[in-house]
Amino acid sequence: MERFFSPDLFKFLKDLAKHNNREWFQPRKSLYESVARDPALRFIAHFAIVLPKVAPGYISDPRPSGGSLFRIYRDTRFSKDKTPYKTHIGIQFRHRFAGRDAHAPGFYFQIEPGDCCVAGGIWQPDAVALQKIRNFIVEHPKEWKKVRRGFSLWGESLKRPPRGFDPNHPLIDDLKRKDFIVWIPFTQPQICGKNVLNDVASACRKIRPLVDFLTRALELS
């Protein structure tokens, strides 16, 4: 067993949340790399060995750019929030056919003070994908209820039933969803502990049936 993350990462993220500006970050960029980026890339490289046994078809890519690790820099072009940096570390394990699409089925590992988790599912799919998922739920209601049992779904929902679906359908609340995400919370001691690799793998294993359901709905291998 091996430790990847230290309490220094959480201290850095807390400080960044208080001083989210370039003047504070730039002199501390090397600190970000040493306590956040490099440990995350090392974790991703090790997880690449474990993931095929947990969820074949999903990729743990340790490249510094274009891989599983999300950039720390926020895209502020279309956002009212102009703070330049994310205050969490985000790692996504995408389906091998998804390329760099963040809106494809997959698993997600987030490290943020007070909000660490492993999540899985699909976030903000396009209209075509969303229609396929809704149709698949209607066609396989028993399986859907089984794979989502024990989880709360996270994300946005429509206020009204989607067009073409029975408003009285027993799964209408799920059919109104725009995101299909479930998560398992983690603590700071877990993140900084020696078992974090196995703990993340175990969480992905629990979430996998739901991710597999969505993958089949989208007719991915």
Protein backbone atom coordinates (compact mmCIF):
# COMPACT_ATOMS: atom_id res chain seq x y z
CA MET A 1 0.00 0.00 0.00
CA GLU A 2 1.18 3.51 -0.74
CA ARG A 3 0.27 7.07 0.19
CA PHE A 4 -0.26 9.48 -2.66
CA PHE A 5 -1.81 12.57 -1.06
CA SER A 6 -0.84 14.48 2.06
CA PRO A 7 -2.55 17.02 4.34
CA ASP A 8 -0.46 19.65 2.55
CA LEU A 9 -2.77 19.22 -0.46
CA PHE A 10 -5.82 20.10 1.62
CA LYS A 11 -4.05 23.09 3.15
CA PHE A 12 -3.12 24.33 -0.32
CA LEU A 13 -6.69 23.98 -1.59
CA LYS A 14 -8.10 25.79 1.45
CA ASP A 15 -5.61 28.63 0.98
CA LEU A 16 -6.42 28.78 -2.72
CA ALA A 17 -10.12 29.13 -1.91
CA LYS A 18 -9.27 32.16 0.24
CA HIS A 19 -6.88 33.73 -2.28
CA ASN A 20 -8.25 32.72 -5.68
CA ASN A 21 -6.22 35.11 -7.82
CA ARG A 22 -3.16 35.03 -10.04
CA GLU A 23 -1.12 37.22 -7.72
CA TRP A 24 -1.36 34.57 -4.99
CA PHE A 25 -1.15 31.48 -7.20
CA GLN A 26 1.76 32.28 -9.51
CA PRO A 27 4.46 32.42 -6.78
CA ARG A 28 3.04 29.14 -5.46
CA LYS A 29 2.72 27.29 -8.76
CA SER A 30 5.60 24.97 -7.86
CA LEU A 31 3.83 24.21 -4.56
CA TYR A 32 0.67 23.29 -6.50
CA GLU A 33 2.73 20.97 -8.69
CA SER A 34 4.45 19.26 -5.76
CA VAL A 35 1.44 18.73 -3.45
CA ALA A 36 -1.38 18.44 -6.01
CA ARG A 37 -0.53 17.84 -9.67
CA ASP A 38 2.38 15.42 -9.32
CA PRO A 39 0.75 13.22 -6.62
CA ALA A 40 -2.45 13.12 -8.69
CA LEU A 41 -0.55 12.04 -11.82
CA ARG A 42 1.26 9.37 -9.80
CA PHE A 43 -2.08 8.11 -8.47
CA ILE A 44 -3.50 8.01 -12.01
CA ALA A 45 -0.49 6.03 -13.24
CA HIS A 46 -0.94 3.44 -10.49
CA PHE A 47 -4.70 3.33 -10.99
CA ALA A 48 -4.12 2.52 -14.66
CA ILE A 49 -2.95 -0.91 -13.51
CA VAL A 50 -6.00 -1.45 -11.28
CA LEU A 51 -8.81 0.01 -13.40
CA PRO A 52 -8.94 -2.66 -16.15
CA LYS A 53 -9.74 -5.23 -13.47
CA VAL A 54 -12.49 -3.03 -12.01
CA ALA A 55 -14.07 -1.58 -15.15
CA PRO A 56 -12.67 -2.77 -18.48
CA GLY A 57 -13.03 -0.21 -21.23
CA TYR A 58 -12.28 2.80 -19.04
CA ILE A 59 -8.97 4.61 -19.10
CA SER A 60 -6.71 6.06 -16.40
CA ASP A 61 -4.42 8.34 -18.40
CA PRO A 62 -1.47 9.91 -16.50
CA ARG A 63 -0.49 12.44 -19.19
CA PRO A 64 -0.11 15.93 -17.66
CA SER A 65 -2.18 17.43 -20.48
CA GLY A 66 -5.16 15.79 -22.13
CA GLY A 67 -5.24 12.87 -19.72
CA SER A 68 -7.41 11.97 -16.74
CA LEU A 69 -6.42 14.97 -14.63
CA PHE A 70 -8.50 18.09 -15.16
CA ARG A 71 -6.68 21.41 -15.39
CA ILE A 72 -6.62 23.62 -12.31
CA TYR A 73 -7.49 26.60 -14.49
CA ARG A 74 -11.16 27.53 -14.84
CA ASP A 75 -12.76 28.47 -18.14
CA THR A 76 -14.29 31.82 -17.23
CA ARG A 77 -15.35 32.93 -20.72
CA PHE A 78 -19.06 32.23 -20.22
CA SER A 79 -19.23 32.31 -16.43
CA LYS A 80 -20.24 35.07 -14.07
CA ASP A 81 -17.67 33.66 -11.63
CA LYS A 82 -14.35 35.04 -12.85
CA THR A 83 -12.12 33.38 -10.23
CA PRO A 84 -9.31 31.83 -12.28
CA TYR A 85 -8.67 28.56 -10.43
CA LYS A 86 -10.61 25.50 -9.38
CA THR A 87 -10.45 24.81 -5.65
CA HIS A 88 -10.53 21.04 -6.08
CA ILE A 89 -8.62 18.31 -7.88
CA GLY A 90 -10.73 16.51 -10.49
CA ILE A 91 -9.80 13.21 -12.10
CA GLN A 92 -11.96 11.48 -14.69
CA PHE A 93 -11.71 7.90 -15.96
CA ARG A 94 -13.51 7.98 -19.31
CA HIS A 95 -14.75 5.30 -21.65
CA ARG A 96 -12.08 4.43 -24.20
CA PHE A 97 -14.33 5.54 -27.07
CA ALA A 98 -15.13 8.89 -25.45
CA GLY A 99 -11.87 10.61 -26.36
CA ARG A 100 -11.62 13.84 -24.36
CA ASP A 101 -15.40 14.20 -23.97
CA ALA A 102 -16.13 15.09 -20.35
CA HIS A 103 -19.82 14.44 -21.05
CA ALA A 104 -19.42 10.70 -21.64
CA PRO A 105 -20.07 7.83 -19.21
CA GLY A 106 -17.28 7.34 -16.73
CA PHE A 107 -15.96 7.58 -13.20
CA TYR A 108 -14.81 10.71 -11.40
CA PHE A 109 -12.55 11.22 -8.38
CA GLN A 110 -12.74 14.59 -6.63
CA ILE A 111 -10.50 15.92 -3.88
CA GLU A 112 -11.84 19.04 -2.21
CA PRO A 113 -11.82 20.03 1.46
CA GLY A 114 -15.16 18.92 2.86
CA ASP A 115 -16.38 17.47 -0.45
CA CYS A 116 -14.26 14.49 -1.50
CA CYS A 117 -15.96 11.71 -3.42
CA VAL A 118 -15.86 9.07 -6.12
CA ALA A 119 -18.71 9.51 -8.58
CA GLY A 120 -19.91 7.78 -11.70
CA GLY A 121 -22.43 8.16 -14.46
CA ILE A 122 -22.90 10.82 -17.12
CA TRP A 123 -22.94 14.60 -16.76
CA GLN A 124 -24.86 16.91 -19.11
CA PRO A 125 -25.21 14.53 -22.08
CA ASP A 126 -26.39 16.08 -25.35
CA ALA A 127 -30.00 15.80 -26.48
CA VAL A 128 -29.45 12.67 -28.57
CA ALA A 129 -27.67 10.82 -25.75
CA LEU A 130 -30.26 11.96 -23.23
CA GLN A 131 -33.08 10.60 -25.39
CA LYS A 132 -31.31 7.24 -25.68
CA ILE A 133 -30.86 7.02 -21.91
CA ARG A 134 -34.51 7.86 -21.22
CA ASN A 135 -35.71 5.33 -23.78
CA PHE A 136 -33.43 2.68 -22.31
CA ILE A 137 -34.79 3.31 -18.81
CA VAL A 138 -38.35 2.89 -20.10
CA GLU A 139 -37.37 -0.33 -21.88
CA HIS A 140 -35.51 -1.78 -18.86
CA PRO A 141 -37.29 -0.41 -15.76
CA LYS A 142 -36.47 -3.33 -13.43
CA GLU A 143 -32.77 -3.23 -14.28
CA TRP A 144 -32.65 0.56 -13.88
CA LYS A 145 -34.25 0.38 -10.44
CA LYS A 146 -31.76 -2.30 -9.45
CA VAL A 147 -28.61 -0.45 -10.56
CA ARG A 148 -29.60 2.84 -8.94
CA ARG A 149 -30.87 1.25 -5.70
CA GLY A 150 -29.10 2.70 -2.68
CA PHE A 151 -27.93 5.81 -4.51
CA SER A 152 -29.25 9.34 -4.73
CA LEU A 153 -28.95 10.84 -8.18
CA TRP A 154 -27.16 14.17 -8.41
CA GLY A 155 -27.53 16.93 -10.98
CA GLU A 156 -30.20 18.91 -12.78
CA SER A 157 -33.74 17.89 -13.74
CA LEU A 158 -36.47 19.27 -15.95
CA LYS A 159 -39.39 20.96 -14.20
CA ARG A 160 -41.84 19.19 -16.52
CA PRO A 161 -41.85 15.67 -17.99
CA PRO A 162 -39.81 15.42 -21.21
CA ARG A 163 -41.75 15.47 -24.46
CA GLY A 164 -42.99 12.06 -25.56
CA PHE A 165 -42.95 10.45 -22.10
CA ASP A 166 -45.95 9.58 -19.96
CA PRO A 167 -46.24 12.12 -17.11
CA ASN A 168 -47.63 9.31 -14.96
CA HIS A 169 -44.77 6.89 -15.64
CA PRO A 170 -43.57 5.37 -12.32
CA LEU A 171 -40.01 6.48 -13.12
CA ILE A 172 -40.93 9.96 -14.31
CA ASP A 173 -38.67 11.65 -11.74
CA ASP A 174 -35.69 9.82 -13.21
CA LEU A 175 -36.85 10.45 -16.78
CA LYS A 176 -36.90 14.18 -16.04
CA ARG A 177 -33.23 14.12 -15.14
CA LYS A 178 -30.60 15.93 -17.25
CA ASP A 179 -27.68 14.36 -15.35
CA PHE A 180 -27.29 10.77 -14.15
CA ILE A 181 -24.61 10.92 -11.46
CA VAL A 182 -24.19 8.93 -8.23
CA TRP A 183 -21.41 9.35 -5.71
CA ILE A 184 -19.71 7.83 -2.69
CA PRO A 185 -18.27 10.34 -0.17
CA PHE A 186 -14.66 10.15 1.01
CA THR A 187 -12.95 11.69 4.02
CA GLN A 188 -9.62 13.47 4.21
CA PRO A 189 -8.05 10.59 6.20
CA GLN A 190 -9.13 8.20 3.43
CA ILE A 191 -7.58 10.42 0.75
CA CYS A 192 -4.33 10.71 2.68
CA GLY A 193 -4.28 7.06 3.76
CA LYS A 194 -2.38 4.09 2.41
CA ASN A 195 -5.54 2.38 1.15
CA VAL A 196 -6.77 5.19 -1.10
CA LEU A 197 -6.01 3.26 -4.30
CA ASN A 198 -8.08 0.28 -3.15
CA ASP A 199 -10.79 2.53 -1.70
CA VAL A 200 -11.27 4.34 -5.01
CA ALA A 201 -11.27 1.01 -6.87
CA SER A 202 -13.90 -0.36 -4.46
CA ALA A 203 -16.10 2.71 -4.96
CA CYS A 204 -15.85 2.41 -8.75
CA ARG A 205 -16.77 -1.27 -8.47
CA LYS A 206 -19.95 -0.37 -6.55
CA ILE A 207 -20.93 2.29 -9.07
CA ARG A 208 -20.02 0.26 -12.14
CA PRO A 209 -23.47 -1.39 -12.73
CA LEU A 210 -25.07 2.03 -13.19
CA VAL A 211 -22.24 3.22 -15.45
CA ASP A 212 -22.55 -0.01 -17.48
CA PHE A 213 -26.28 0.60 -17.87
CA LEU A 214 -25.65 4.08 -19.29
CA THR A 215 -22.89 2.76 -21.53
CA ARG A 216 -25.28 0.18 -23.00
CA ALA A 217 -27.96 2.83 -23.42
CA LEU A 218 -25.54 4.80 -25.60
CA GLU A 219 -24.55 1.65 -27.50
CA LEU A 220 -20.90 1.89 -26.52
CA SER A 221 -18.85 -1.29 -26.36
